N, C-alpha and C. Protein backbone atom coordinates (compact mmCIF):
# COMPACT_ATOMS: atom_id res chain seq x y z
N MET A 1 -24.17 -2.35 -13.48
CA MET A 1 -23.68 -2.24 -14.83
C MET A 1 -24.12 -3.45 -15.66
N CYS A 2 -24.20 -4.63 -15.05
CA CYS A 2 -24.54 -5.86 -15.77
C CYS A 2 -26.05 -6.08 -15.74
N SER A 3 -26.61 -6.37 -16.90
CA SER A 3 -28.04 -6.67 -16.98
C SER A 3 -28.29 -8.15 -17.26
N HIS A 4 -27.24 -8.97 -17.21
CA HIS A 4 -27.38 -10.40 -17.46
C HIS A 4 -28.02 -11.09 -16.27
N GLN A 5 -28.70 -12.19 -16.54
CA GLN A 5 -29.31 -12.99 -15.47
C GLN A 5 -28.78 -14.40 -15.54
N PRO A 6 -28.16 -14.92 -14.53
CA PRO A 6 -27.79 -14.24 -13.29
C PRO A 6 -26.71 -13.20 -13.57
N PRO A 7 -26.60 -12.21 -12.69
CA PRO A 7 -25.62 -11.13 -12.91
C PRO A 7 -24.19 -11.67 -12.99
N CYS A 8 -23.39 -11.04 -13.79
CA CYS A 8 -21.97 -11.40 -13.90
C CYS A 8 -21.25 -11.03 -12.61
N PRO A 9 -20.13 -11.72 -12.32
CA PRO A 9 -19.37 -11.38 -11.12
C PRO A 9 -18.78 -9.98 -11.23
N SER A 10 -18.72 -9.28 -10.11
CA SER A 10 -18.16 -7.93 -10.11
C SER A 10 -16.65 -8.00 -10.33
N ALA A 11 -16.06 -6.87 -10.67
CA ALA A 11 -14.64 -6.82 -11.00
C ALA A 11 -13.74 -7.07 -9.81
N ASP A 12 -14.26 -6.98 -8.59
CA ASP A 12 -13.41 -7.21 -7.42
C ASP A 12 -13.45 -8.66 -6.94
N ARG A 13 -14.15 -9.53 -7.65
CA ARG A 13 -14.22 -10.95 -7.27
C ARG A 13 -13.19 -11.76 -8.05
N PRO A 14 -12.71 -12.85 -7.47
CA PRO A 14 -11.70 -13.68 -8.16
C PRO A 14 -12.20 -14.28 -9.48
N ASP A 15 -13.51 -14.48 -9.61
CA ASP A 15 -14.06 -15.06 -10.85
C ASP A 15 -14.52 -13.99 -11.84
N ARG A 16 -13.95 -12.79 -11.75
CA ARG A 16 -14.35 -11.65 -12.60
C ARG A 16 -14.25 -11.95 -14.08
N ASP A 17 -13.35 -12.87 -14.49
CA ASP A 17 -13.18 -13.19 -15.91
C ASP A 17 -14.38 -13.91 -16.51
N ALA A 18 -15.30 -14.36 -15.67
CA ALA A 18 -16.50 -15.05 -16.16
C ALA A 18 -17.56 -14.06 -16.67
N ALA A 19 -17.33 -12.77 -16.52
CA ALA A 19 -18.29 -11.77 -17.00
C ALA A 19 -18.34 -11.78 -18.53
N HIS A 20 -19.46 -11.35 -19.07
CA HIS A 20 -19.66 -11.31 -20.53
C HIS A 20 -18.82 -10.21 -21.17
N VAL A 21 -18.33 -10.49 -22.37
CA VAL A 21 -17.58 -9.51 -23.16
C VAL A 21 -18.58 -8.56 -23.80
N VAL A 22 -18.38 -7.24 -23.63
CA VAL A 22 -19.26 -6.25 -24.25
C VAL A 22 -18.57 -5.49 -25.37
N ALA A 23 -17.24 -5.51 -25.41
CA ALA A 23 -16.49 -4.90 -26.51
C ALA A 23 -15.29 -5.80 -26.79
N PHE A 24 -15.13 -6.17 -28.06
CA PHE A 24 -14.11 -7.12 -28.48
C PHE A 24 -13.19 -6.43 -29.47
N HIS A 25 -11.91 -6.31 -29.14
CA HIS A 25 -10.95 -5.63 -30.02
C HIS A 25 -9.72 -6.50 -30.23
N PRO A 26 -9.84 -7.58 -31.01
CA PRO A 26 -8.70 -8.49 -31.20
C PRO A 26 -7.52 -7.82 -31.89
N GLU A 27 -7.79 -6.83 -32.73
CA GLU A 27 -6.69 -6.15 -33.43
C GLU A 27 -5.83 -5.34 -32.46
N GLN A 28 -6.40 -4.97 -31.31
CA GLN A 28 -5.66 -4.23 -30.29
C GLN A 28 -5.29 -5.11 -29.10
N GLY A 29 -5.83 -6.31 -29.05
CA GLY A 29 -5.46 -7.26 -28.01
C GLY A 29 -6.16 -7.11 -26.68
N TRP A 30 -7.40 -6.60 -26.68
CA TRP A 30 -8.12 -6.47 -25.41
C TRP A 30 -9.62 -6.64 -25.59
N ASN A 31 -10.28 -6.97 -24.46
CA ASN A 31 -11.74 -7.10 -24.39
C ASN A 31 -12.24 -6.34 -23.17
N LEU A 32 -13.39 -5.71 -23.30
CA LEU A 32 -14.04 -5.05 -22.17
C LEU A 32 -15.14 -5.97 -21.67
N LEU A 33 -15.12 -6.27 -20.38
CA LEU A 33 -16.15 -7.11 -19.78
C LEU A 33 -17.26 -6.23 -19.22
N CYS A 34 -18.44 -6.80 -19.03
CA CYS A 34 -19.58 -6.01 -18.56
C CYS A 34 -19.40 -5.52 -17.12
N ASN A 35 -18.44 -6.07 -16.39
CA ASN A 35 -18.18 -5.58 -15.04
C ASN A 35 -17.17 -4.43 -15.03
N GLY A 36 -16.75 -3.98 -16.22
CA GLY A 36 -15.84 -2.85 -16.33
C GLY A 36 -14.38 -3.21 -16.42
N ALA A 37 -14.04 -4.48 -16.26
CA ALA A 37 -12.64 -4.91 -16.35
C ALA A 37 -12.22 -5.00 -17.82
N ILE A 38 -10.97 -4.67 -18.08
CA ILE A 38 -10.38 -4.84 -19.40
C ILE A 38 -9.41 -6.00 -19.31
N VAL A 39 -9.59 -6.99 -20.17
CA VAL A 39 -8.75 -8.18 -20.18
C VAL A 39 -7.90 -8.14 -21.45
N PHE A 40 -6.59 -8.30 -21.28
CA PHE A 40 -5.66 -8.25 -22.40
C PHE A 40 -5.29 -9.66 -22.86
N ASP A 41 -4.89 -9.78 -24.12
CA ASP A 41 -4.53 -11.08 -24.68
C ASP A 41 -3.38 -11.75 -23.94
N ASP A 42 -2.52 -10.98 -23.28
CA ASP A 42 -1.40 -11.57 -22.54
C ASP A 42 -1.82 -12.03 -21.15
N THR A 43 -3.12 -12.02 -20.86
CA THR A 43 -3.78 -12.42 -19.61
C THR A 43 -3.67 -11.37 -18.50
N GLY A 44 -3.11 -10.21 -18.78
CA GLY A 44 -3.13 -9.11 -17.82
C GLY A 44 -4.51 -8.48 -17.81
N GLU A 45 -4.80 -7.73 -16.74
CA GLU A 45 -6.11 -7.09 -16.62
C GLU A 45 -5.97 -5.70 -16.03
N LEU A 46 -6.90 -4.83 -16.38
CA LEU A 46 -7.03 -3.51 -15.79
C LEU A 46 -8.43 -3.43 -15.21
N LEU A 47 -8.52 -3.22 -13.90
CA LEU A 47 -9.81 -3.19 -13.23
C LEU A 47 -10.38 -1.77 -13.23
N PRO A 48 -11.68 -1.62 -13.04
CA PRO A 48 -12.32 -0.30 -13.09
C PRO A 48 -11.75 0.70 -12.10
N ASP A 49 -11.21 0.23 -10.97
CA ASP A 49 -10.64 1.15 -9.98
C ASP A 49 -9.20 1.54 -10.29
N GLY A 50 -8.67 1.06 -11.44
CA GLY A 50 -7.31 1.38 -11.84
C GLY A 50 -6.28 0.34 -11.42
N SER A 51 -6.71 -0.67 -10.68
CA SER A 51 -5.79 -1.73 -10.26
C SER A 51 -5.35 -2.54 -11.47
N VAL A 52 -4.11 -3.01 -11.41
CA VAL A 52 -3.54 -3.81 -12.49
C VAL A 52 -3.34 -5.24 -12.00
N ILE A 53 -3.79 -6.19 -12.79
CA ILE A 53 -3.54 -7.61 -12.52
C ILE A 53 -2.48 -8.03 -13.53
N THR A 54 -1.33 -8.46 -13.04
CA THR A 54 -0.24 -8.82 -13.94
C THR A 54 -0.59 -10.08 -14.72
N PRO A 55 0.01 -10.24 -15.90
CA PRO A 55 -0.24 -11.44 -16.69
C PRO A 55 0.08 -12.70 -15.89
N HIS A 56 -0.71 -13.74 -16.09
CA HIS A 56 -0.51 -14.99 -15.36
C HIS A 56 -0.38 -16.15 -16.35
N ARG A 57 0.59 -16.00 -17.24
CA ARG A 57 0.86 -17.02 -18.24
C ARG A 57 1.52 -18.23 -17.60
N LEU A 58 1.25 -19.39 -18.15
CA LEU A 58 1.95 -20.60 -17.72
C LEU A 58 3.29 -20.66 -18.43
N THR A 59 4.30 -21.13 -17.73
CA THR A 59 5.61 -21.27 -18.36
C THR A 59 5.83 -22.73 -18.73
N ALA A 60 6.49 -22.95 -19.84
CA ALA A 60 6.76 -24.31 -20.29
C ALA A 60 7.90 -24.91 -19.48
N ALA A 61 7.79 -26.18 -19.18
CA ALA A 61 8.86 -26.87 -18.46
C ALA A 61 10.04 -27.07 -19.39
N ALA A 62 11.24 -26.93 -18.85
CA ALA A 62 12.45 -27.05 -19.68
C ALA A 62 12.84 -28.48 -19.92
């Protein structure tokens, strides 16, 4: 799917977020990466196989 050189990491790798953005929709809060993953503004992700990665926001110390 990726034609970049070097190729972007596949969606099943831990560094999948390093893939290039191919569709940018800030008004809807998501980006499509060239490896097929959808990354949401809340840091959640939807992978091409339907797997969900829950948001991984940092929490502020009290």
